[in-house]
């Protein structure tokens, strides 16, 4: 019997009627690589059932301690019902991308039942009218509670169900499972009382918590008296959120991000991602005549330490606030502005392995999501503050760098719907998978009634950067050609005599004209 850590318990205490700590992972699959060209629901159920023993997340639920004397415990669910947690639905015809985003947002917004294991998987069929996706594609939406993610074992439910080879493996034999009887309320109350009495630190906990809330409030009040009002500008995304969510996404090629980063010396892929998010946010606010005169900022997670093996700890993470340069109209200047901040950040220089946002392939998504949920679910507004710590958040949810398969069906898309909170109604999930970068904003339906428009702003910004990068590359190539010394007429004649006529003809053909703006590989609206 494991006890919920104090940090994990924050995920529960931070929830409200209109904001939960759910994270939803979304994957889309091409069924043509599966046996028979399709994945039957009963086969998927068998796959999940055969792997239940790999993680305690599947069958463990929370049991609270009477009178709140201690943190809850994880106990085995004696009434575990697999078919409650794994569900099968289908989109109505025609099954387009907009319908899928609406359905995913609705599922994500519904809170998980805290009396059951804190996960659900939805098999969503009928994705038949989405550009760049094969007909009969299907999706998985895996909804997890941040308190339930198995960080200690360095993995999550989603990673347990996939294989790196297309050949569907034989189902593992189902291991017999005999749930242990949960402790009685009296036993838990005695445990909690004993821990409280024997730990002075726990006895002082309520007093310490009151002080940690009162001191920042007093400090904030004194700061406002001395320095004037809060200077962080507010947007439509820095208000109270409703219980309803919206989700959108756009897919891009990782190699194209590498092209763009060459526009600014020393720029990283991270910087380009930030610049694209900033440009999309600027365009959306400007479209609605809400572009502020002052700059906006974002929160970024910076990982400083890997979790200790077997200790059940989470990665050590701190949050960096970066100005986005949304008041800068020129895209190149905006990218250079962001790069100057990230290069000067002492916190980012301490990041684990100095990894790039989209190049982190060894982290399990669970580790990233858990820390994100804690930060977004807690005091982003700050006690005594009149404005949030930032205008939005951008977080990475890294996926595999190679294709993976679900019972033979190849995964073609990987993204996430993130938790949002009062005062921070816009979160960008930046996922990476198999050479692609996926940027997916999550928001509130009242704050972003037109998520497809916001996603189009992101794509337009990316295409502007890509056009500038290719224009700069062509100019550099022309300058290099002009700087190359011309060959003498004699040497040119000798080379021509040595080259067959057919080869000379082929070599002298003009190159194809460079294509115009390249459309991203995002599913169309």
Protein backbone atom coordinates (compact mmCIF):
# COMPACT_ATOMS: atom_id res chain seq x y z
CA UNK A 1 0.00 0.00 0.00
CA UNK A 2 1.54 3.26 -1.18
CA UNK A 3 0.73 6.70 0.10
CA UNK A 4 0.11 9.64 -2.16
CA UNK A 5 2.98 12.10 -1.89
CA UNK A 6 2.34 15.64 -0.73
CA UNK A 7 3.24 16.98 -4.16
CA UNK A 8 0.85 14.58 -5.87
CA UNK A 9 -1.87 15.52 -3.39
CA UNK A 10 -1.62 19.11 -4.68
CA UNK A 11 -3.18 17.93 -7.94
CA UNK A 12 -6.32 16.96 -6.03
CA UNK A 13 -6.52 20.04 -3.83
CA UNK A 14 -6.08 22.38 -6.80
CA UNK A 15 -9.12 21.08 -8.66
CA UNK A 16 -12.36 23.04 -8.84
CA UNK A 17 -15.79 22.65 -10.40
CA UNK A 18 -14.55 24.19 -13.64
CA UNK A 19 -10.91 23.11 -13.68
CA UNK A 20 -9.39 19.65 -13.25
CA UNK A 21 -5.88 18.21 -13.41
CA UNK A 22 -6.64 15.89 -16.31
CA UNK A 23 -4.17 15.46 -19.14
CA UNK A 24 -5.37 13.77 -22.33
CA UNK A 25 -2.90 12.14 -24.70
CA UNK A 26 -4.14 11.77 -28.27
CA UNK A 27 -2.80 9.33 -30.83
CA UNK A 28 -4.10 8.59 -34.34
CA UNK A 29 -3.37 5.32 -36.16
CA UNK A 30 -3.28 3.90 -39.66
CA UNK A 31 -5.07 0.54 -39.40
CA UNK A 32 -3.78 -0.73 -42.76
CA UNK A 33 -0.61 -2.05 -41.08
CA UNK A 34 -2.60 -4.09 -38.53
CA UNK A 35 -3.52 -7.74 -39.17
CA UNK A 36 -6.49 -7.76 -41.52
CA UNK A 37 -6.23 -4.00 -42.02
CA UNK A 38 -8.21 -3.12 -38.90
CA UNK A 39 -8.05 -3.21 -35.12
CA UNK A 40 -11.13 -4.68 -33.52
CA UNK A 41 -12.20 -3.27 -30.18
CA UNK A 42 -12.17 -6.67 -28.53
CA UNK A 43 -8.56 -7.15 -29.68
CA UNK A 44 -7.64 -3.83 -28.09
CA UNK A 45 -9.36 -4.84 -24.87
CA UNK A 46 -7.34 -8.05 -24.86
CA UNK A 47 -4.14 -6.08 -25.41
CA UNK A 48 -4.86 -3.79 -22.45
CA UNK A 49 -5.88 -6.71 -20.26
CA UNK A 50 -2.67 -8.58 -21.04
CA UNK A 51 -0.58 -5.61 -19.88
CA UNK A 52 -2.45 -4.54 -16.77
CA UNK A 53 0.22 -6.09 -14.57
CA UNK A 54 2.90 -3.76 -15.94
CA UNK A 55 1.78 -0.76 -13.90
CA UNK A 56 -0.08 -0.26 -10.65
CA UNK A 57 -1.76 2.77 -12.28
CA UNK A 58 -4.29 0.50 -13.95
CA UNK A 59 -5.87 -1.11 -10.89
CA UNK A 60 -5.10 1.24 -7.99
CA UNK A 61 -7.51 3.87 -6.70
CA UNK A 62 -7.34 6.46 -3.95
CA UNK A 63 -8.62 5.92 -0.43
CA UNK A 64 -8.84 9.00 1.74
CA UNK A 65 -7.92 9.16 5.42
CA UNK A 66 -10.78 10.10 7.79
CA UNK A 67 -10.84 13.74 8.91
CA UNK A 68 -8.01 14.52 6.49
CA UNK A 69 -5.42 13.42 9.06
CA UNK A 70 -3.02 12.29 6.34
CA UNK A 71 -2.55 12.11 2.60
CA UNK A 72 -4.67 9.48 0.73
CA UNK A 73 -3.35 6.01 -0.03
CA UNK A 74 -3.28 4.00 -3.24
CA UNK A 75 -5.20 0.75 -2.74
CA UNK A 76 -6.24 -1.97 -5.17
CA UNK A 77 -9.71 -1.58 -6.63
CA UNK A 78 -11.59 -4.73 -5.62
CA UNK A 79 -14.34 -3.88 -8.15
CA UNK A 80 -12.03 -3.06 -11.05
CA UNK A 81 -13.92 -3.11 -14.36
CA UNK A 82 -11.76 -2.89 -17.47
CA UNK A 83 -14.68 -2.06 -19.74
CA UNK A 84 -15.52 0.97 -17.60
CA UNK A 85 -12.07 2.42 -18.27
CA UNK A 86 -11.79 1.42 -21.95
CA UNK A 87 -14.59 2.74 -24.14
CA UNK A 88 -15.44 2.70 -27.83
CA UNK A 89 -17.16 5.61 -29.63
CA UNK A 90 -17.40 6.85 -33.23
CA UNK A 91 -17.63 10.27 -34.84
CA UNK A 92 -20.78 11.10 -36.78
CA UNK A 93 -20.46 11.40 -40.53
CA UNK A 94 -18.43 12.76 -42.22
CA UNK A 95 -15.86 12.36 -39.42
CA UNK A 96 -13.74 15.45 -40.08
CA UNK A 97 -11.05 17.12 -37.99
CA UNK A 98 -13.34 19.73 -36.46
CA UNK A 99 -15.69 17.05 -35.17
CA UNK A 100 -12.75 15.16 -33.71
CA UNK A 101 -11.38 18.21 -31.86
CA UNK A 102 -14.80 18.97 -30.38
CA UNK A 103 -15.22 15.39 -29.19
CA UNK A 104 -11.71 15.29 -27.70
CA UNK A 105 -12.32 18.59 -25.87
CA UNK A 106 -15.59 17.32 -24.38
CA UNK A 107 -14.01 14.10 -23.12
CA UNK A 108 -11.04 15.97 -21.67
CA UNK A 109 -13.26 18.47 -19.81
CA UNK A 110 -15.15 15.79 -17.87
CA UNK A 111 -13.49 15.06 -14.51
CA UNK A 112 -12.33 11.55 -13.68
CA UNK A 113 -14.15 9.54 -11.03
CA UNK A 114 -11.95 9.79 -7.93
CA UNK A 115 -13.48 6.59 -6.58
CA UNK A 116 -11.95 4.53 -9.39
CA UNK A 117 -8.46 4.19 -10.89
CA UNK A 118 -7.67 7.59 -12.38
CA UNK A 119 -7.50 6.82 -16.09
CA UNK A 120 -9.76 6.26 -19.10
CA UNK A 121 -9.01 5.27 -22.69
CA UNK A 122 -11.39 6.08 -25.56
CA UNK A 123 -11.11 4.32 -28.90
CA UNK A 124 -12.54 6.86 -31.37
CA UNK A 125 -13.47 5.53 -34.81
CA UNK A 126 -14.91 7.18 -37.91
CA UNK A 127 -12.00 9.53 -38.75
CA UNK A 128 -12.79 9.32 -42.45
CA UNK A 129 -12.61 12.91 -43.73
CA UNK A 130 -9.30 14.25 -42.40
CA UNK A 131 -6.63 15.45 -44.84
CA UNK A 132 -3.28 13.61 -44.75
CA UNK A 133 -4.79 10.70 -42.79
CA UNK A 134 -5.76 7.36 -44.35
CA UNK A 135 -9.44 6.51 -44.52
CA UNK A 136 -10.68 4.40 -41.60
CA UNK A 137 -8.07 5.88 -39.26
CA UNK A 138 -8.91 5.67 -35.58
CA UNK A 139 -7.68 7.48 -32.50
CA UNK A 140 -6.94 6.77 -28.85
CA UNK A 141 -7.62 9.40 -26.24
CA UNK A 142 -5.92 8.45 -22.98
CA UNK A 143 -7.13 10.61 -20.11
CA UNK A 144 -4.95 10.57 -16.99
CA UNK A 145 -4.98 12.35 -13.68
CA UNK A 146 -1.67 13.92 -12.77
CA UNK A 147 -1.77 12.31 -9.34
CA UNK A 148 -1.93 8.82 -10.93
CA UNK A 149 0.97 8.96 -13.37
CA UNK A 150 3.60 6.37 -12.55
CA UNK A 151 6.74 8.49 -12.53
CA UNK A 152 8.71 6.13 -10.29
CA UNK A 153 8.83 3.48 -13.00
CA UNK A 154 9.60 6.14 -15.60
CA UNK A 155 6.68 5.35 -17.87
CA UNK A 156 2.96 5.86 -18.32
CA UNK A 157 -0.02 3.94 -19.56
CA UNK A 158 0.48 5.10 -23.13
CA UNK A 159 4.00 3.67 -23.43
CA UNK A 160 2.92 0.27 -22.12
CA UNK A 161 0.55 -0.43 -24.98
CA UNK A 162 2.88 0.10 -27.94
CA UNK A 163 5.62 -1.83 -29.71
CA UNK A 164 8.42 -0.68 -32.00
CA UNK A 165 7.73 -3.35 -34.64
CA UNK A 166 4.66 -3.59 -36.88
CA UNK A 167 4.22 -7.30 -36.29
CA UNK A 168 1.54 -7.62 -33.66
CA UNK A 169 3.03 -9.66 -30.82
CA UNK A 170 1.19 -12.58 -29.34
CA UNK A 171 -0.92 -11.47 -26.40
CA UNK A 172 0.81 -12.00 -23.11
CA UNK A 173 -0.87 -14.57 -20.88
CA UNK A 174 -3.12 -12.83 -18.40
CA UNK A 175 -1.59 -12.97 -14.96
CA UNK A 176 -3.93 -13.97 -12.13
CA UNK A 177 -4.85 -11.03 -9.94
CA UNK A 178 -6.20 -11.24 -6.41
CA UNK A 179 -6.81 -7.73 -5.03
CA UNK A 180 -5.73 -7.11 -1.47
CA UNK A 181 -8.38 -5.94 0.95
CA UNK A 182 -8.11 -2.19 1.59
CA UNK A 183 -7.40 -0.96 5.12
CA UNK A 184 -10.33 0.04 7.27
CA UNK A 185 -11.08 3.72 7.93
CA UNK A 186 -10.12 3.18 11.58
CA UNK A 187 -6.73 1.78 10.58
CA UNK A 188 -6.05 4.73 8.28
CA UNK A 189 -7.14 7.21 10.95
CA UNK A 190 -4.77 5.62 13.46
CA UNK A 191 -1.93 5.73 10.93
CA UNK A 192 -2.54 9.38 10.23
CA UNK A 193 -2.83 10.30 13.88
CA UNK A 194 0.38 8.44 14.73
CA UNK A 195 2.28 10.15 11.89
CA UNK A 196 1.03 13.54 13.00
CA UNK A 197 1.91 13.06 16.64
CA UNK A 198 5.39 11.66 15.96
CA UNK A 199 6.32 14.32 13.42
CA UNK A 200 6.75 17.88 14.72
CA UNK A 201 7.04 19.03 11.15
CA UNK A 202 3.58 17.67 10.38
CA UNK A 203 2.19 19.28 13.54
CA UNK A 204 3.53 22.61 12.35
CA UNK A 205 2.21 22.00 8.85
CA UNK A 206 -1.01 24.05 9.10
CA UNK A 207 0.87 26.93 10.76
CA UNK A 208 3.61 26.80 8.13
CA UNK A 209 1.07 26.68 5.33
CA UNK A 210 -0.70 29.73 6.73
CA UNK A 211 2.60 31.60 6.92
CA UNK A 212 3.57 30.65 3.36
CA UNK A 213 0.26 32.09 2.20
CA UNK A 214 0.32 35.19 4.38
CA UNK A 215 3.91 36.28 3.78
CA UNK A 216 3.69 36.41 -0.03
CA UNK A 217 0.41 38.30 0.28
CA UNK A 218 2.00 40.86 2.60
CA UNK A 219 5.05 41.12 0.36
CA UNK A 220 2.87 41.57 -2.72
CA UNK A 221 0.83 44.26 -0.97
CA UNK A 222 3.99 46.14 0.07
CA UNK A 223 5.37 45.85 -3.48
CA UNK A 224 2.22 47.31 -4.96
CA UNK A 225 2.35 50.22 -2.52
CA UNK A 226 5.98 50.97 -3.35
CA UNK A 227 6.11 50.18 -7.06
CA UNK A 228 2.60 50.90 -8.23
CA UNK A 229 0.14 48.53 -9.96
CA UNK A 230 1.01 45.25 -11.62
CA UNK A 231 2.52 45.91 -15.04
CA UNK A 232 1.76 42.56 -16.68
CA UNK A 233 -0.84 43.23 -19.39
CA UNK A 234 -3.95 41.07 -19.38
CA UNK A 235 -5.53 39.37 -22.36
CA UNK A 236 -8.74 37.41 -22.85
CA UNK A 237 -6.82 34.31 -21.69
CA UNK A 238 -6.09 35.74 -18.23
CA UNK A 239 -9.57 35.50 -16.78
CA UNK A 240 -11.74 32.92 -15.02
CA UNK A 241 -12.11 29.82 -17.19
CA UNK A 242 -15.36 27.96 -17.82
CA UNK A 243 -15.73 24.16 -17.53
CA UNK A 244 -15.64 23.84 -21.34
CA UNK A 245 -12.45 23.24 -23.31
CA UNK A 246 -11.27 23.73 -26.88
CA UNK A 247 -8.34 22.02 -28.55
CA UNK A 248 -6.66 22.40 -31.93
CA UNK A 249 -3.39 21.37 -33.51
CA UNK A 250 -1.02 21.90 -36.40
CA UNK A 251 1.73 19.54 -37.57
CA UNK A 252 5.08 20.59 -39.03
CA UNK A 253 8.26 18.92 -40.18
CA UNK A 254 11.13 18.96 -37.69
CA UNK A 255 13.61 19.53 -40.54
CA UNK A 256 11.76 22.72 -41.46
CA UNK A 257 12.22 24.01 -37.91
CA UNK A 258 15.94 23.33 -38.39
CA UNK A 259 15.85 25.44 -41.56
CA UNK A 260 14.20 28.33 -39.74
CA UNK A 261 16.63 28.41 -36.82
CA UNK A 262 19.44 29.32 -39.24
CA UNK A 263 17.82 32.73 -39.64
CA UNK A 264 19.35 33.83 -36.32
CA UNK A 265 22.89 32.78 -35.37
CA UNK A 266 22.86 30.42 -32.41
CA UNK A 267 19.08 29.96 -32.41
CA UNK A 268 17.70 26.62 -31.22
CA UNK A 269 14.61 24.72 -32.24
CA UNK A 270 13.16 25.77 -28.89
CA UNK A 271 13.51 29.41 -29.88
CA UNK A 272 11.71 28.83 -33.18
CA UNK A 273 8.86 27.04 -31.39
CA UNK A 274 8.50 30.01 -29.04
CA UNK A 275 8.60 32.45 -31.94
CA UNK A 276 5.88 30.55 -33.84
CA UNK A 277 3.64 30.43 -30.75
CA UNK A 278 4.29 34.13 -30.15
CA UNK A 279 3.55 35.03 -33.76
CA UNK A 280 0.33 33.02 -33.75
CA UNK A 281 -0.79 34.67 -30.50
CA UNK A 282 0.05 38.12 -31.89
CA UNK A 283 -1.90 37.49 -35.10
CA UNK A 284 -4.94 36.17 -33.21
CA UNK A 285 -5.11 39.09 -30.79
CA UNK A 286 -4.49 41.59 -33.60
CA UNK A 287 -7.27 39.99 -35.64
CA UNK A 288 -9.62 40.62 -32.71
CA UNK A 289 -8.25 44.15 -32.15
CA UNK A 290 -6.90 43.11 -28.75
CA UNK A 291 -3.15 43.37 -29.31
CA UNK A 292 -1.74 45.02 -26.15
CA UNK A 293 0.77 47.84 -26.22
CA UNK A 294 3.00 45.99 -23.72
CA UNK A 295 4.67 42.66 -24.35
CA UNK A 296 3.26 39.31 -23.21
CA UNK A 297 5.10 36.48 -21.47
CA UNK A 298 5.02 32.70 -21.18
CA UNK A 299 6.09 30.12 -18.61
CA UNK A 300 8.53 27.41 -19.71
CA UNK A 301 9.47 24.28 -17.73
CA UNK A 302 13.23 23.80 -17.28
CA UNK A 303 14.33 20.34 -16.12
CA UNK A 304 17.28 20.46 -13.74
CA UNK A 305 17.48 16.91 -12.43
CA UNK A 306 16.26 13.51 -13.50
CA UNK A 307 14.07 11.61 -10.99
CA UNK A 308 15.92 9.21 -8.74
CA UNK A 309 15.51 5.59 -9.80
CA UNK A 310 13.12 3.71 -7.56
CA UNK A 311 12.55 6.66 -5.25
CA UNK A 312 9.19 7.70 -6.62
CA UNK A 313 10.39 11.26 -7.10
CA UNK A 314 9.57 13.57 -9.96
CA UNK A 315 12.10 15.42 -12.07
CA UNK A 316 13.36 18.62 -10.51
CA UNK A 317 11.89 21.44 -12.53
CA UNK A 318 11.77 25.20 -12.31
CA UNK A 319 9.79 27.58 -14.44
CA UNK A 320 11.31 30.35 -16.49
CA UNK A 321 9.32 33.37 -17.63
CA UNK A 322 10.17 34.48 -21.17
CA UNK A 323 8.88 37.56 -22.95
CA UNK A 324 7.34 36.62 -26.29
CA UNK A 325 7.90 39.78 -28.31
CA UNK A 326 4.28 39.93 -29.52
CA UNK A 327 4.65 43.69 -29.92
CA UNK A 328 7.44 43.13 -32.47
CA UNK A 329 5.98 43.05 -35.96
CA UNK A 330 9.10 41.81 -37.76
CA UNK A 331 9.39 37.99 -37.47
CA UNK A 332 13.20 38.01 -37.63
CA UNK A 333 13.48 40.59 -34.87
CA UNK A 334 11.02 38.59 -32.76
CA UNK A 335 13.09 35.41 -33.14
CA UNK A 336 16.30 37.28 -32.31
CA UNK A 337 14.58 38.84 -29.28
CA UNK A 338 13.55 35.42 -27.95
CA UNK A 339 16.98 33.93 -28.65
CA UNK A 340 18.68 36.71 -26.70
CA UNK A 341 16.59 35.84 -23.62
CA UNK A 342 17.08 32.07 -23.76
CA UNK A 343 20.82 32.50 -24.35
CA UNK A 344 21.11 34.76 -21.31
CA UNK A 345 19.05 32.51 -19.03
CA UNK A 346 21.21 30.98 -16.32
CA UNK A 347 18.36 28.61 -15.48
CA UNK A 348 18.19 27.20 -19.00
CA UNK A 349 21.95 26.74 -19.07
CA UNK A 350 21.55 24.34 -16.14
CA UNK A 351 18.93 22.23 -17.89
CA UNK A 352 19.48 18.47 -17.96
CA UNK A 353 21.77 17.72 -20.88
CA UNK A 354 20.98 21.13 -22.41
CA UNK A 355 18.41 19.30 -24.50
CA UNK A 356 16.26 20.97 -27.08
CA UNK A 357 12.54 21.16 -26.47
CA UNK A 358 11.70 18.95 -29.43
CA UNK A 359 14.75 16.70 -29.18
CA UNK A 360 14.03 15.16 -25.78
CA UNK A 361 13.39 11.57 -26.67
CA UNK A 362 14.27 9.75 -23.46
CA UNK A 363 11.81 11.41 -21.09
CA UNK A 364 8.56 9.57 -20.56
CA UNK A 365 5.59 11.84 -21.24
CA UNK A 366 4.44 11.15 -17.67
CA UNK A 367 7.36 12.98 -16.12
CA UNK A 368 6.67 16.11 -18.13
CA UNK A 369 2.93 16.07 -17.66
CA UNK A 370 3.01 15.59 -13.91
CA UNK A 371 5.15 18.64 -13.29
CA UNK A 372 3.11 20.66 -15.74
CA UNK A 373 -0.12 19.75 -14.01
CA UNK A 374 1.27 20.74 -10.65
CA UNK A 375 2.38 24.15 -11.84
CA UNK A 376 -0.69 24.91 -13.89
CA UNK A 377 -3.04 23.56 -11.27
CA UNK A 378 -1.61 25.52 -8.36
CA UNK A 379 -0.82 29.13 -7.62
CA UNK A 380 -0.26 30.54 -11.08
CA UNK A 381 -2.31 33.52 -10.06
CA UNK A 382 -0.18 34.01 -6.94
CA UNK A 383 -1.56 34.90 -3.53
CA UNK A 384 -2.31 38.60 -3.29
CA UNK A 385 -1.47 39.25 -6.97
CA UNK A 386 -3.84 41.05 -9.28
CA UNK A 387 -2.51 39.28 -12.37
CA UNK A 388 -1.10 35.86 -13.27
CA UNK A 389 2.61 35.14 -13.37
CA UNK A 390 2.46 34.94 -17.18
CA UNK A 391 -0.03 35.25 -20.02
CA UNK A 392 0.26 31.64 -21.20
CA UNK A 393 2.37 28.50 -20.81
CA UNK A 394 4.29 26.43 -23.36
CA UNK A 395 5.28 22.91 -22.39
CA UNK A 396 6.88 19.96 -24.11
CA UNK A 397 5.39 16.47 -24.24
CA UNK A 398 8.07 14.48 -26.11
CA UNK A 399 7.10 11.41 -28.04
CA UNK A 400 9.14 8.64 -29.67
CA UNK A 401 11.57 9.60 -32.42
CA UNK A 402 10.72 6.44 -34.38
CA UNK A 403 7.37 4.97 -35.49
CA UNK A 404 5.54 2.85 -32.92
CA UNK A 405 2.65 0.45 -33.35
CA UNK A 406 -0.52 -0.48 -31.49
CA UNK A 407 -1.24 -4.15 -32.12
CA UNK A 408 0.25 -3.64 -35.60
CA UNK A 409 -1.47 -0.30 -36.40
CA UNK A 410 1.08 2.45 -37.01
CA UNK A 411 0.77 5.63 -34.98
CA UNK A 412 0.70 8.65 -37.29
CA UNK A 413 -0.03 11.48 -34.87
CA UNK A 414 0.67 12.29 -31.23
CA UNK A 415 -0.56 15.29 -29.28
CA UNK A 416 -1.98 16.33 -25.90
CA UNK A 417 -4.81 18.35 -24.38
CA UNK A 418 -3.46 20.18 -21.34
CA UNK A 419 -5.03 21.43 -18.11
CA UNK A 420 -5.79 25.15 -17.87
CA UNK A 421 -6.71 27.21 -14.84
CA UNK A 422 -8.18 30.52 -13.77
CA UNK A 423 -5.91 33.30 -14.98
CA UNK A 424 -4.04 30.99 -17.35
CA UNK A 425 -6.51 29.98 -20.01
CA UNK A 426 -4.02 29.22 -22.79
CA UNK A 427 -1.48 26.39 -22.77
CA UNK A 428 0.52 25.20 -25.79
CA UNK A 429 1.45 21.51 -25.85
CA UNK A 430 4.46 21.00 -28.13
CA UNK A 431 4.78 17.33 -28.99
CA UNK A 432 7.31 15.58 -31.18
CA UNK A 433 7.01 12.24 -32.94
CA UNK A 434 8.78 10.54 -35.86
CA UNK A 435 10.33 13.68 -37.39
CA UNK A 436 7.35 15.94 -36.81
CA UNK A 437 6.59 18.77 -34.39
CA UNK A 438 2.96 19.24 -33.34
CA UNK A 439 1.83 22.49 -31.71
CA UNK A 440 -1.53 22.17 -29.94
CA UNK A 441 -3.19 25.00 -28.01
CA UNK A 442 -5.70 24.22 -25.26
CA UNK A 443 -8.05 26.93 -24.03
CA UNK A 444 -11.52 27.68 -22.72
CA UNK A 445 -14.50 27.82 -25.07
CA UNK A 446 -15.48 31.31 -23.91
CA UNK A 447 -11.95 32.67 -24.26
CA UNK A 448 -11.26 31.01 -27.63
CA UNK A 449 -14.57 30.42 -29.45
CA UNK A 450 -12.76 29.87 -32.77
CA UNK A 451 -9.80 27.50 -32.13
CA UNK A 452 -9.46 26.72 -35.84
CA UNK A 453 -8.72 30.41 -36.46
CA UNK A 454 -6.05 30.41 -33.75
CA UNK A 455 -4.48 27.28 -35.27
CA UNK A 456 -4.46 28.93 -38.68
CA UNK A 457 -2.62 31.90 -37.17
CA UNK A 458 0.06 29.50 -35.92
CA UNK A 459 0.40 27.89 -39.33
CA UNK A 460 0.59 31.24 -41.14
CA UNK A 461 3.34 32.39 -38.78
CA UNK A 462 5.30 29.21 -39.38
CA UNK A 463 4.96 29.57 -43.16
CA UNK A 464 6.20 33.16 -42.95
CA UNK A 465 9.30 31.96 -41.10
CA UNK A 466 9.84 29.11 -43.54
CA UNK A 467 9.57 31.45 -46.55
CA UNK A 468 12.13 33.79 -44.97
CA UNK A 469 14.46 30.88 -44.23
CA UNK A 470 14.34 29.57 -47.79
CA UNK A 471 14.73 33.05 -49.23
CA UNK A 472 17.82 33.54 -47.07
CA UNK A 473 19.18 30.14 -48.11
CA UNK A 474 18.77 30.98 -51.81
CA UNK A 475 20.43 34.36 -51.34
CA UNK A 476 23.33 32.68 -49.54
CA UNK A 477 23.71 30.13 -52.32
CA UNK A 478 23.74 32.86 -55.00
CA UNK A 479 26.36 34.82 -53.06
CA UNK A 480 28.47 31.69 -52.75
CA UNK A 481 28.22 31.07 -56.50
CA UNK A 482 29.27 34.66 -57.28
CA UNK A 483 32.23 34.37 -54.93
CA UNK A 484 33.44 31.16 -56.62
CA UNK A 485 36.32 31.95 -59.07
CA UNK A 486 35.35 31.55 -62.73
CA UNK A 487 37.07 28.74 -64.62
CA UNK A 488 39.26 29.65 -67.58
CA UNK A 489 37.96 29.07 -71.12
CA UNK A 490 40.66 26.46 -71.74
CA UNK A 491 39.76 24.37 -68.70
CA UNK A 492 36.06 24.70 -69.49
CA UNK A 493 36.68 23.45 -73.03
CA UNK A 494 38.68 20.46 -71.81
CA UNK A 495 35.92 19.56 -69.34
CA UNK A 496 33.32 19.76 -72.09
CA UNK A 497 35.34 17.41 -74.37
CA UNK A 498 35.63 14.84 -71.55
CA UNK A 499 31.89 14.90 -70.78
CA UNK A 500 29.53 12.87 -73.03
CA UNK A 501 26.95 14.91 -74.91
CA UNK A 502 24.00 13.27 -73.12
CA UNK A 503 25.52 14.01 -69.75
CA UNK A 504 26.23 17.61 -70.73
CA UNK A 505 22.62 18.03 -71.81
CA UNK A 506 21.29 16.61 -68.55
CA UNK A 507 23.66 18.67 -66.47
CA UNK A 508 22.80 21.86 -68.29
CA UNK A 509 19.07 21.60 -67.71
CA UNK A 510 17.79 24.37 -65.48
CA UNK A 511 16.85 23.39 -61.98
CA UNK A 512 13.18 23.28 -61.09
CA UNK A 513 11.91 26.55 -59.71
CA UNK A 514 11.66 26.50 -55.94
CA UNK A 515 8.18 25.88 -54.69
CA UNK A 516 6.22 28.62 -53.06
CA UNK A 517 4.89 28.44 -49.57
CA UNK A 518 4.77 24.90 -48.40
CA UNK A 519 1.64 23.88 -46.61
CA UNK A 520 2.17 22.23 -43.26
CA UNK A 521 1.22 18.61 -42.80
CA UNK A 522 -1.44 19.51 -40.25
CA UNK A 523 -4.85 17.91 -40.63
CA UNK A 524 -7.01 20.40 -42.49
CA UNK A 525 -9.88 22.16 -40.82
